[in-house]
Amino acid sequence: MHVFIIVFFLIKKIRILELGSGTGIVGIVLAYISSIRPSDQRRPSCLILTDGEPTSVELMKQNILHAQNKNPQQHCYASCVDTILFTTCMKWGDTDEQQNLRFQQECFTQFPHLFNSLSSTSTDDSKKKDIEFDYILAGDVLYKEELPTLFFQTVHKYLTRNYYTKMEEEDDEEDENRTTKERRGEGYLLLCHVPRASVTHDFVLKVAMEYGFHVMETIDISSFPFTIPDSCPFEDAQRACIYKMYLKE
């Protein structure tokens, strides 16, 4: 969680989805950081926290309310939570079409200015498009061998692709026209993984590659210049890595 908070200062996109949110602490802290960021910096317009267990979703809601009530004088924070935080139940995988439609409709209902309503209502297959997020976060959620496949199926469905469009530029030199590329879409997965049993780093990366993910950066948590809290086992921190991944169009 501490690492996600540090990385959050680098995030300039607007739509963030967290998978396996548990208690919701990451989203709550990120919402607080959003509320105190200078007005000239872009802030996320939505932080959607999800978990596969309904009891965890209810716990997230209670923790969000508790955080608001604990800081009643911080109107900016309460307003930020009200406007960008949303919690819902989501099980991983790509086989439950009903859940997919429900989730997309919830996203459009909560944030109509960010998502396309046609994604869940159009009968024209050519116009259907999944809800997409600029960043997807997940921390220490792959602890069973069957989970990475389901996890990357879900990320593959909802992460914005990285793609470029070609542009023709006039050039006074030998080539009359020069082709350049302009980045038009940009989405990243930030996955903090702690090896558990057979779910090694190599195994996670193998499954990620099977679903078309590319590793842009690997961050060794033990190299971060902060004190590991007592609540985090030292061995876990030593073995953990954060992967920044992306999908190409």
C-alpha atoms as a PDB file:
ATOM      1  CA  MET A   1       0.000   0.000   0.000  1.00  0.00           C
ATOM      2  CA  HIS A   2       2.829   2.418   0.839  1.00  0.00           C
ATOM      3  CA  VAL A   3       4.335   1.846  -2.589  1.00  0.00           C
ATOM      4  CA  PHE A   4       1.032   2.520  -4.340  1.00  0.00           C
ATOM      5  CA  ILE A   5       0.795   5.818  -2.484  1.00  0.00           C
ATOM      6  CA  ILE A   6       4.257   6.833  -3.703  1.00  0.00           C
ATOM      7  CA  VAL A   7       3.523   5.744  -7.257  1.00  0.00           C
ATOM      8  CA  PHE A   8       0.208   7.601  -7.129  1.00  0.00           C
ATOM      9  CA  PHE A   9       1.999  10.939  -7.268  1.00  0.00           C
ATOM     10  CA  LEU A  10       3.126   9.978 -10.755  1.00  0.00           C
ATOM     11  CA  ILE A  11      -0.352   9.083 -11.978  1.00  0.00           C
ATOM     12  CA  LYS A  12      -1.854  11.741 -14.225  1.00  0.00           C
ATOM     13  CA  LYS A  13      -4.710   9.739 -15.698  1.00  0.00           C
ATOM     14  CA  ILE A  14      -8.284   9.892 -14.535  1.00  0.00           C
ATOM     15  CA  ARG A  15      -9.871   6.428 -14.393  1.00  0.00           C
ATOM     16  CA  ILE A  16      -8.486   3.990 -11.817  1.00  0.00           C
ATOM     17  CA  LEU A  17      -9.725   0.485 -10.987  1.00  0.00           C
ATOM     18  CA  GLU A  18      -8.451  -1.604  -8.077  1.00  0.00           C
ATOM     19  CA  LEU A  19      -8.891  -5.380  -8.049  1.00  0.00           C
ATOM     20  CA  GLY A  20      -8.964  -7.288  -4.772  1.00  0.00           C
ATOM     21  CA  SER A  21      -9.340  -4.143  -2.676  1.00  0.00           C
ATOM     22  CA  GLY A  22     -10.004  -5.957   0.607  1.00  0.00           C
ATOM     23  CA  THR A  23     -10.436  -3.309   3.300  1.00  0.00           C
ATOM     24  CA  GLY A  24     -10.316  -0.438   0.787  1.00  0.00           C
ATOM     25  CA  ILE A  25      -7.372   1.260   2.495  1.00  0.00           C
ATOM     26  CA  VAL A  26      -5.523   1.963  -0.776  1.00  0.00           C
ATOM     27  CA  GLY A  27      -8.507   3.733  -2.331  1.00  0.00           C
ATOM     28  CA  ILE A  28      -9.244   5.679   0.846  1.00  0.00           C
ATOM     29  CA  VAL A  29      -5.674   6.978   1.082  1.00  0.00           C
ATOM     30  CA  LEU A  30      -5.482   7.763  -2.625  1.00  0.00           C
ATOM     31  CA  ALA A  31      -8.739   9.714  -2.367  1.00  0.00           C
ATOM     32  CA  TYR A  32      -7.229  11.703   0.498  1.00  0.00           C
ATOM     33  CA  ILE A  33      -4.092  12.427  -1.526  1.00  0.00           C
ATOM     34  CA  SER A  34      -6.297  13.555  -4.407  1.00  0.00           C
ATOM     35  CA  SER A  35      -8.090  16.000  -2.127  1.00  0.00           C
ATOM     36  CA  ILE A  36      -4.862  17.719  -1.058  1.00  0.00           C
ATOM     37  CA  ARG A  37      -3.072  17.780  -4.412  1.00  0.00           C
ATOM     38  CA  PRO A  38      -2.481  21.287  -5.801  1.00  0.00           C
ATOM     39  CA  SER A  39      -5.287  22.449  -8.053  1.00  0.00           C
ATOM     40  CA  ASP A  40      -2.930  22.708 -11.022  1.00  0.00           C
ATOM     41  CA  GLN A  41      -2.310  18.941 -10.932  1.00  0.00           C
ATOM     42  CA  ARG A  42      -4.711  16.498 -12.542  1.00  0.00           C
ATOM     43  CA  ARG A  43      -6.624  14.372 -10.113  1.00  0.00           C
ATOM     44  CA  PRO A  44      -8.344  11.044 -10.739  1.00  0.00           C
ATOM     45  CA  SER A  45     -11.995  11.394 -11.665  1.00  0.00           C
ATOM     46  CA  CYS A  46     -12.875   7.920 -10.422  1.00  0.00           C
ATOM     47  CA  LEU A  47     -11.420   5.308  -8.101  1.00  0.00           C
ATOM     48  CA  ILE A  48     -13.441   2.112  -8.335  1.00  0.00           C
ATOM     49  CA  LEU A  49     -12.654  -0.425  -5.609  1.00  0.00           C
ATOM     50  CA  THR A  50     -13.684  -4.028  -6.188  1.00  0.00           C
ATOM     51  CA  ASP A  51     -13.534  -7.346  -4.414  1.00  0.00           C
ATOM     52  CA  GLY A  52     -14.986 -10.776  -5.102  1.00  0.00           C
ATOM     53  CA  GLU A  53     -16.401 -11.150  -1.597  1.00  0.00           C
ATOM     54  CA  PRO A  54     -19.594  -9.200  -0.766  1.00  0.00           C
ATOM     55  CA  THR A  55     -18.510  -9.048   2.893  1.00  0.00           C
ATOM     56  CA  SER A  56     -15.301  -7.274   1.853  1.00  0.00           C
ATOM     57  CA  VAL A  57     -17.293  -4.773  -0.209  1.00  0.00           C
ATOM     58  CA  GLU A  58     -19.461  -3.995   2.822  1.00  0.00           C
ATOM     59  CA  LEU A  59     -16.323  -3.597   4.955  1.00  0.00           C
ATOM     60  CA  MET A  60     -14.893  -1.155   2.384  1.00  0.00           C
ATOM     61  CA  LYS A  61     -18.064   0.941   2.552  1.00  0.00           C
ATOM     62  CA  GLN A  62     -17.906   1.030   6.347  1.00  0.00           C
ATOM     63  CA  ASN A  63     -14.230   2.024   6.297  1.00  0.00           C
ATOM     64  CA  ILE A  64     -14.926   4.805   3.805  1.00  0.00           C
ATOM     65  CA  LEU A  65     -17.697   6.179   6.028  1.00  0.00           C
ATOM     66  CA  HIS A  66     -15.461   5.867   9.070  1.00  0.00           C
ATOM     67  CA  ALA A  67     -12.708   7.827   7.328  1.00  0.00           C
ATOM     68  CA  GLN A  68     -15.161  10.574   6.428  1.00  0.00           C
ATOM     69  CA  ASN A  69     -16.603  10.783   9.949  1.00  0.00           C
ATOM     70  CA  LYS A  70     -13.139  10.813  11.472  1.00  0.00           C
ATOM     71  CA  ASN A  71     -12.240  13.915   9.467  1.00  0.00           C
ATOM     72  CA  PRO A  72     -15.478  15.956   9.404  1.00  0.00           C
ATOM     73  CA  GLN A  73     -13.592  19.257   9.202  1.00  0.00           C
ATOM     74  CA  GLN A  74     -11.805  18.194   6.037  1.00  0.00           C
ATOM     75  CA  HIS A  75     -14.636  19.020   3.683  1.00  0.00           C
ATOM     76  CA  CYS A  76     -12.360  18.735   0.661  1.00  0.00           C
ATOM     77  CA  TYR A  77     -11.580  15.116   1.513  1.00  0.00           C
ATOM     78  CA  ALA A  78     -15.218  14.190   2.144  1.00  0.00           C
ATOM     79  CA  SER A  79     -16.211  15.797  -1.124  1.00  0.00           C
ATOM     80  CA  CYS A  80     -13.451  13.922  -2.926  1.00  0.00           C
ATOM     81  CA  VAL A  81     -14.630  10.591  -1.494  1.00  0.00           C
ATOM     82  CA  ASP A  82     -18.228  11.344  -2.450  1.00  0.00           C
ATOM     83  CA  THR A  83     -17.350  12.221  -6.026  1.00  0.00           C
ATOM     84  CA  ILE A  84     -14.670   9.714  -7.047  1.00  0.00           C
ATOM     85  CA  LEU A  85     -14.830   6.625  -4.789  1.00  0.00           C
ATOM     86  CA  PHE A  86     -17.155   3.770  -5.710  1.00  0.00           C
ATOM     87  CA  THR A  87     -17.190   0.187  -4.411  1.00  0.00           C
ATOM     88  CA  THR A  88     -18.700  -2.886  -6.011  1.00  0.00           C
ATOM     89  CA  CYS A  89     -18.398  -6.673  -6.087  1.00  0.00           C
ATOM     90  CA  MET A  90     -16.407  -8.203  -8.948  1.00  0.00           C
ATOM     91  CA  LYS A  91     -15.287 -11.768  -9.474  1.00  0.00           C
ATOM     92  CA  TRP A  92     -12.403 -12.305 -11.890  1.00  0.00           C
ATOM     93  CA  GLY A  93     -12.584 -14.067 -15.235  1.00  0.00           C
ATOM     94  CA  ASP A  94     -14.221 -13.476 -18.585  1.00  0.00           C
ATOM     95  CA  THR A  95     -17.075 -16.008 -18.486  1.00  0.00           C
ATOM     96  CA  ASP A  96     -19.709 -14.128 -16.478  1.00  0.00           C
ATOM     97  CA  GLU A  97     -21.282 -11.849 -19.074  1.00  0.00           C
ATOM     98  CA  GLN A  98     -24.075 -10.788 -16.710  1.00  0.00           C
ATOM     99  CA  GLN A  99     -21.533  -9.511 -14.196  1.00  0.00           C
ATOM    100  CA  ASN A 100     -19.689  -7.719 -16.986  1.00  0.00           C
ATOM    101  CA  LEU A 101     -22.845  -5.927 -18.109  1.00  0.00           C
ATOM    102  CA  ARG A 102     -23.797  -5.062 -14.514  1.00  0.00           C
ATOM    103  CA  PHE A 103     -20.355  -3.622 -13.804  1.00  0.00           C
ATOM    104  CA  GLN A 104     -20.317  -1.556 -16.988  1.00  0.00           C
ATOM    105  CA  GLN A 105     -23.770  -0.176 -16.251  1.00  0.00           C
ATOM    106  CA  GLU A 106     -22.690   0.731 -12.717  1.00  0.00           C
ATOM    107  CA  CYS A 107     -19.681   2.581 -14.109  1.00  0.00           C
ATOM    108  CA  PHE A 108     -21.827   4.544 -16.520  1.00  0.00           C
ATOM    109  CA  THR A 109     -24.436   5.313 -13.873  1.00  0.00           C
ATOM    110  CA  GLN A 110     -21.845   6.558 -11.372  1.00  0.00           C
ATOM    111  CA  PHE A 111     -19.577   8.342 -13.872  1.00  0.00           C
ATOM    112  CA  PRO A 112     -21.573   9.090 -17.043  1.00  0.00           C
ATOM    113  CA  HIS A 113     -19.080  11.765 -18.106  1.00  0.00           C
ATOM    114  CA  LEU A 114     -16.230   9.231 -18.194  1.00  0.00           C
ATOM    115  CA  PHE A 115     -17.707   6.178 -19.848  1.00  0.00           C
ATOM    116  CA  ASN A 116     -19.621   5.368 -23.000  1.00  0.00           C
ATOM    117  CA  SER A 117     -23.233   4.322 -22.402  1.00  0.00           C
ATOM    118  CA  LEU A 118     -23.233   2.279 -25.598  1.00  0.00           C
ATOM    119  CA  SER A 119     -20.870  -0.188 -23.975  1.00  0.00           C
ATOM    120  CA  SER A 120     -23.708  -1.953 -22.178  1.00  0.00           C
ATOM    121  CA  THR A 121     -26.867  -0.937 -24.027  1.00  0.00           C
ATOM    122  CA  SER A 122     -26.139  -1.099 -27.736  1.00  0.00           C
ATOM    123  CA  THR A 123     -27.393  -4.080 -29.751  1.00  0.00           C
ATOM    124  CA  ASP A 124     -24.936  -3.289 -32.536  1.00  0.00           C
ATOM    125  CA  ASP A 125     -21.845  -5.462 -31.934  1.00  0.00           C
ATOM    126  CA  SER A 126     -19.688  -3.018 -33.894  1.00  0.00           C
ATOM    127  CA  LYS A 127     -20.491  -0.288 -31.379  1.00  0.00           C
ATOM    128  CA  LYS A 128     -20.039  -2.342 -28.228  1.00  0.00           C
ATOM    129  CA  LYS A 129     -16.958  -1.427 -26.251  1.00  0.00           C
ATOM    130  CA  ASP A 130     -15.889  -2.476 -22.789  1.00  0.00           C
ATOM    131  CA  ILE A 131     -15.447   0.060 -20.036  1.00  0.00           C
ATOM    132  CA  GLU A 132     -11.739   0.964 -19.933  1.00  0.00           C
ATOM    133  CA  PHE A 133      -9.433   2.237 -17.205  1.00  0.00           C
ATOM    134  CA  ASP A 134      -6.196   4.191 -17.456  1.00  0.00           C
ATOM    135  CA  TYR A 135      -4.707   2.450 -14.421  1.00  0.00           C
ATOM    136  CA  ILE A 136      -5.539  -0.869 -12.768  1.00  0.00           C
ATOM    137  CA  LEU A 137      -4.039  -1.528  -9.327  1.00  0.00           C
ATOM    138  CA  ALA A 138      -3.654  -4.799  -7.432  1.00  0.00           C
ATOM    139  CA  GLY A 139      -1.550  -5.670  -4.405  1.00  0.00           C
ATOM    140  CA  ASP A 140      -0.691  -9.161  -3.141  1.00  0.00           C
ATOM    141  CA  VAL A 141      -3.778 -10.784  -4.638  1.00  0.00           C
ATOM    142  CA  LEU A 142      -2.284 -13.772  -6.500  1.00  0.00           C
ATOM    143  CA  TYR A 143      -1.897 -16.379  -3.761  1.00  0.00           C
ATOM    144  CA  LYS A 144      -3.461 -19.416  -5.487  1.00  0.00           C
ATOM    145  CA  GLU A 145      -2.313 -21.085  -8.689  1.00  0.00           C
ATOM    146  CA  GLU A 146      -5.668 -20.611 -10.460  1.00  0.00           C
ATOM    147  CA  LEU A 147      -5.834 -16.867  -9.755  1.00  0.00           C
ATOM    148  CA  PRO A 148      -3.312 -15.378 -12.243  1.00  0.00           C
ATOM    149  CA  THR A 149      -5.292 -16.649 -15.257  1.00  0.00           C
ATOM    150  CA  LEU A 150      -8.558 -15.202 -13.937  1.00  0.00           C
ATOM    151  CA  PHE A 151      -6.804 -11.981 -12.904  1.00  0.00           C
ATOM    152  CA  PHE A 152      -5.188 -11.298 -16.277  1.00  0.00           C
ATOM    153  CA  GLN A 153      -8.433 -12.152 -18.085  1.00  0.00           C
ATOM    154  CA  THR A 154     -10.101  -9.362 -16.108  1.00  0.00           C
ATOM    155  CA  VAL A 155      -7.280  -6.851 -16.594  1.00  0.00           C
ATOM    156  CA  HIS A 156      -7.199  -7.672 -20.309  1.00  0.00           C
ATOM    157  CA  LYS A 157     -10.891  -6.800 -20.532  1.00  0.00           C
ATOM    158  CA  TYR A 158     -10.735  -3.459 -18.744  1.00  0.00           C
ATOM    159  CA  LEU A 159      -7.277  -1.926 -19.304  1.00  0.00           C
ATOM    160  CA  THR A 160      -6.889   0.795 -21.923  1.00  0.00           C
ATOM    161  CA  ARG A 161      -4.560  -0.313 -24.728  1.00  0.00           C
ATOM    162  CA  ASN A 162      -1.384   1.519 -25.608  1.00  0.00           C
ATOM    163  CA  TYR A 163      -1.621   2.505 -29.227  1.00  0.00           C
ATOM    164  CA  TYR A 164      -0.257   5.064 -31.648  1.00  0.00           C
ATOM    165  CA  THR A 165      -1.620   6.810 -34.712  1.00  0.00           C
ATOM    166  CA  LYS A 166       0.562   7.627 -37.681  1.00  0.00           C
ATOM    167  CA  MET A 167       0.890  11.260 -38.688  1.00  0.00           C
ATOM    168  CA  GLU A 168       2.382  12.666 -41.862  1.00  0.00           C
ATOM    169  CA  GLU A 169       4.726  15.587 -41.341  1.00  0.00           C
ATOM    170  CA  GLU A 170       6.294  17.770 -44.017  1.00  0.00           C
ATOM    171  CA  ASP A 171      10.044  17.731 -44.025  1.00  0.00           C
ATOM    172  CA  ASP A 172      12.368  20.044 -45.936  1.00  0.00           C
ATOM    173  CA  GLU A 173      15.118  17.452 -46.054  1.00  0.00           C
ATOM    174  CA  GLU A 174      15.402  14.416 -48.339  1.00  0.00           C
ATOM    175  CA  ASP A 175      12.018  12.917 -47.506  1.00  0.00           C
ATOM    176  CA  GLU A 176       9.189  15.168 -48.522  1.00  0.00           C
ATOM    177  CA  ASN A 177       6.898  13.559 -45.975  1.00  0.00           C
ATOM    178  CA  ARG A 178       8.025  11.961 -42.752  1.00  0.00           C
ATOM    179  CA  THR A 179       5.858   9.515 -40.813  1.00  0.00           C
ATOM    180  CA  THR A 180       5.807   9.927 -37.051  1.00  0.00           C
ATOM    181  CA  LYS A 181       3.788   8.298 -34.303  1.00  0.00           C
ATOM    182  CA  GLU A 182       1.585  10.017 -31.758  1.00  0.00           C
ATOM    183  CA  ARG A 183       0.529   8.176 -28.611  1.00  0.00           C
ATOM    184  CA  ARG A 184      -3.273   8.170 -28.468  1.00  0.00           C
ATOM    185  CA  GLY A 185      -4.065   5.607 -25.790  1.00  0.00           C
ATOM    186  CA  GLU A 186      -2.200   4.786 -22.619  1.00  0.00           C
ATOM    187  CA  GLY A 187      -3.096   2.325 -19.876  1.00  0.00           C
ATOM    188  CA  TYR A 188      -1.031   0.585 -17.218  1.00  0.00           C
ATOM    189  CA  LEU A 189      -1.371  -2.236 -14.718  1.00  0.00           C
ATOM    190  CA  LEU A 190       0.481  -1.744 -11.424  1.00  0.00           C
ATOM    191  CA  LEU A 191       0.716  -5.187  -9.828  1.00  0.00           C
ATOM    192  CA  CYS A 192       2.497  -5.708  -6.524  1.00  0.00           C
ATOM    193  CA  HIS A 193       3.183  -9.423  -6.229  1.00  0.00           C
ATOM    194  CA  VAL A 194       4.487 -11.412  -3.290  1.00  0.00           C
ATOM    195  CA  PRO A 195       5.341 -15.027  -4.229  1.00  0.00           C
ATOM    196  CA  ARG A 196       3.053 -17.511  -2.505  1.00  0.00           C
ATOM    197  CA  ALA A 197       3.632 -21.287  -2.773  1.00  0.00           C
ATOM    198  CA  SER A 198       3.683 -22.135  -6.493  1.00  0.00           C
ATOM    199  CA  VAL A 199       2.674 -18.639  -7.610  1.00  0.00           C
ATOM    200  CA  THR A 200       6.204 -17.425  -8.249  1.00  0.00           C
ATOM    201  CA  HIS A 201       7.253 -14.288 -10.085  1.00  0.00           C
ATOM    202  CA  ASP A 202       8.119 -16.397 -13.115  1.00  0.00           C
ATOM    203  CA  PHE A 203       4.708 -18.050 -13.094  1.00  0.00           C
ATOM    204  CA  VAL A 204       2.886 -14.700 -12.924  1.00  0.00           C
ATOM    205  CA  LEU A 205       4.984 -13.265 -15.761  1.00  0.00           C
ATOM    206  CA  LYS A 206       4.360 -16.371 -17.879  1.00  0.00           C
ATOM    207  CA  VAL A 207       0.579 -16.003 -17.544  1.00  0.00           C
ATOM    208  CA  ALA A 208       0.817 -12.255 -18.186  1.00  0.00           C
ATOM    209  CA  MET A 209       2.675 -12.877 -21.446  1.00  0.00           C
ATOM    210  CA  GLU A 210       0.053 -15.433 -22.517  1.00  0.00           C
ATOM    211  CA  TYR A 211      -2.526 -12.635 -22.368  1.00  0.00           C
ATOM    212  CA  GLY A 212      -0.387 -10.189 -24.307  1.00  0.00           C
ATOM    213  CA  PHE A 213       1.011  -8.083 -21.475  1.00  0.00           C
ATOM    214  CA  HIS A 214       4.384  -6.379 -21.744  1.00  0.00           C
ATOM    215  CA  VAL A 215       6.464  -5.496 -18.682  1.00  0.00           C
ATOM    216  CA  MET A 216       7.515  -1.872 -18.887  1.00  0.00           C
ATOM    217  CA  GLU A 217       9.207  -1.657 -15.500  1.00  0.00           C
ATOM    218  CA  THR A 218       9.995  -3.871 -12.507  1.00  0.00           C
ATOM    219  CA  ILE A 219      10.355  -2.197  -9.122  1.00  0.00           C
ATOM    220  CA  ASP A 220      12.122  -3.907  -6.227  1.00  0.00           C
ATOM    221  CA  ILE A 221      10.251  -2.797  -3.112  1.00  0.00           C
ATOM    222  CA  SER A 222      13.263  -3.413  -0.876  1.00  0.00           C
ATOM    223  CA  SER A 223      15.042  -0.603  -2.730  1.00  0.00           C
ATOM    224  CA  PHE A 224      12.456   2.002  -1.717  1.00  0.00           C
ATOM    225  CA  PRO A 225      13.767   4.587   0.794  1.00  0.00           C
ATOM    226  CA  PHE A 226      11.133   4.133   3.494  1.00  0.00           C
ATOM    227  CA  THR A 227      10.803   2.127   6.667  1.00  0.00           C
ATOM    228  CA  ILE A 228       8.775  -1.042   6.316  1.00  0.00           C
ATOM    229  CA  PRO A 229       5.895  -0.904   8.843  1.00  0.00           C
ATOM    230  CA  ASP A 230       5.586  -3.590  11.507  1.00  0.00           C
ATOM    231  CA  SER A 231       2.319  -4.760   9.960  1.00  0.00           C
ATOM    232  CA  CYS A 232       4.214  -5.875   6.831  1.00  0.00           C
ATOM    233  CA  PRO A 233       6.341  -9.015   7.291  1.00  0.00           C
ATOM    234  CA  PHE A 234       9.928  -8.207   6.404  1.00  0.00           C
ATOM    235  CA  GLU A 235      10.270 -11.396   4.341  1.00  0.00           C
ATOM    236  CA  ASP A 236       7.278 -10.408   2.195  1.00  0.00           C
ATOM    237  CA  ALA A 237       8.738  -6.984   1.495  1.00  0.00           C
ATOM    238  CA  GLN A 238      12.059  -8.532   0.541  1.00  0.00           C
ATOM    239  CA  ARG A 239      10.426 -10.887  -1.972  1.00  0.00           C
ATOM    240  CA  ALA A 240       7.840  -8.501  -3.391  1.00  0.00           C
ATOM    241  CA  CYS A 241       8.057  -6.696  -6.725  1.00  0.00           C
ATOM    242  CA  ILE A 242       5.868  -4.154  -8.454  1.00  0.00           C
ATOM    243  CA  TYR A 243       5.307  -4.719 -12.155  1.00  0.00           C
ATOM    244  CA  LYS A 244       4.206  -1.956 -14.454  1.00  0.00           C
ATOM    245  CA  MET A 245       2.598  -3.630 -17.469  1.00  0.00           C
ATOM    246  CA  TYR A 246       0.738  -2.556 -20.560  1.00  0.00           C
ATOM    247  CA  LEU A 247      -1.179  -3.973 -23.517  1.00  0.00           C
ATOM    248  CA  LYS A 248      -0.617  -3.026 -27.130  1.00  0.00           C
ATOM    249  CA  GLU A 249      -3.522  -2.337 -29.492  1.00  0.00           C
END
